[in-house]
Protein backbone atom coordinates (compact mmCIF):
# COMPACT_ATOMS: atom_id res chain seq x y z
CA UNK A 1 17.52 32.93 39.82
CA UNK A 2 19.60 31.84 38.23
CA UNK A 3 19.11 27.92 38.51
CA UNK A 4 15.83 25.96 36.81
CA UNK A 5 12.82 25.62 38.81
CA UNK A 6 10.64 22.35 38.67
CA UNK A 7 8.52 24.60 36.43
CA UNK A 8 11.22 25.44 33.71
CA UNK A 9 12.36 21.48 33.89
CA UNK A 10 8.27 20.43 32.78
CA UNK A 11 7.92 23.22 30.13
CA UNK A 12 10.99 21.62 28.52
CA UNK A 13 9.90 18.03 29.07
CA UNK A 14 6.69 19.31 27.44
CA UNK A 15 8.02 21.50 24.54
CA UNK A 16 10.82 18.67 23.78
CA UNK A 17 10.21 14.97 24.64
CA UNK A 18 6.39 15.44 23.70
CA UNK A 19 7.12 16.37 20.06
CA UNK A 20 9.62 14.11 19.56
CA UNK A 21 7.98 11.11 21.25
CA UNK A 22 4.67 12.23 18.23
CA UNK A 23 7.53 11.67 16.31
CA UNK A 24 8.47 8.30 17.28
CA UNK A 25 5.62 6.78 17.21
CA UNK A 26 3.78 8.56 13.96
CA UNK A 27 7.19 6.90 11.98
CA UNK A 28 6.77 3.44 13.93
CA UNK A 29 3.34 3.31 12.51
CA UNK A 30 4.46 4.39 9.04
CA UNK A 31 6.29 1.43 8.59
CA UNK A 32 4.00 -0.57 10.43
CA UNK A 33 1.87 0.32 7.21
CA UNK A 34 4.20 0.18 4.69
CA UNK A 35 5.07 -3.25 5.76
CA UNK A 36 1.26 -4.09 5.53
CA UNK A 37 1.08 -2.69 2.27
CA UNK A 38 0.76 -3.04 -1.11
CA UNK A 39 -1.87 -1.83 -3.73
CA UNK A 40 -5.25 -2.43 -3.13
CA UNK A 41 -4.99 -4.12 -6.19
CA UNK A 42 -2.12 -6.77 -4.89
CA UNK A 43 -4.57 -6.56 -1.44
CA UNK A 44 -7.68 -7.98 -3.33
CA UNK A 45 -5.68 -10.78 -5.60
CA UNK A 46 -4.50 -11.97 -1.55
CA UNK A 47 -7.78 -12.22 -0.16
CA UNK A 48 -9.78 -12.79 -3.43
CA UNK A 49 -6.64 -15.38 -5.28
CA UNK A 50 -7.60 -13.20 -8.53
CA UNK A 51 -6.24 -10.11 -9.75
CA UNK A 52 -7.79 -7.12 -10.32
CA UNK A 53 -9.55 -7.24 -13.81
CA UNK A 54 -7.75 -4.05 -15.31
CA UNK A 55 -4.45 -6.52 -14.33
CA UNK A 56 -6.16 -9.51 -15.95
CA UNK A 57 -6.99 -8.02 -19.29
CA UNK A 58 -2.99 -6.10 -18.92
CA UNK A 59 -1.53 -9.97 -18.77
CA UNK A 60 -3.53 -10.92 -21.25
CA UNK A 61 -2.45 -8.47 -23.84
CA UNK A 62 0.82 -8.88 -22.69
CA UNK A 63 0.43 -12.84 -24.28
CA UNK A 64 -0.74 -11.71 -27.13
CA UNK A 65 1.82 -8.95 -28.01
CA UNK A 66 3.95 -11.65 -27.32
CA UNK A 67 2.65 -14.22 -29.54
CA UNK A 68 2.04 -16.63 -26.70
CA UNK A 69 -1.44 -16.94 -27.19
CA UNK A 70 -3.94 -16.59 -30.60
CA UNK A 71 -6.06 -13.87 -31.60
CA UNK A 72 -9.25 -16.45 -31.00
CA UNK A 73 -7.54 -17.47 -27.35
CA UNK A 74 -7.28 -13.76 -26.58
CA UNK A 75 -10.77 -12.97 -27.49
CA UNK A 76 -12.09 -15.56 -25.98
CA UNK A 77 -10.48 -14.81 -22.66
CA UNK A 78 -11.05 -11.30 -22.27
CA UNK A 79 -14.58 -12.11 -23.07
CA UNK A 80 -14.65 -14.48 -20.22
CA UNK A 81 -12.96 -11.78 -17.86
CA UNK A 82 -15.33 -8.90 -18.64
CA UNK A 83 -18.44 -11.42 -18.66
CA UNK A 84 -17.21 -11.59 -14.34
CA UNK A 85 -17.91 -7.81 -14.18
């Protein structure tokens, strides 16, 4: 009566090893997806060779704020980006 039967061992295996295996599988899948990660905009940029419109407009505004382009250049480039939408 004091020893474990095969049924007891199978129960332990099912209750302990199955959740641990599932946890390990979830961890591996999460790490794999984070490596392939990046934002949606970054993945789009990699596929198409272009940044999303919002990022391009922000980069253009940054150039203007730093004084690297004139107001006319900013307006022309902004119009060109918005025409593509």
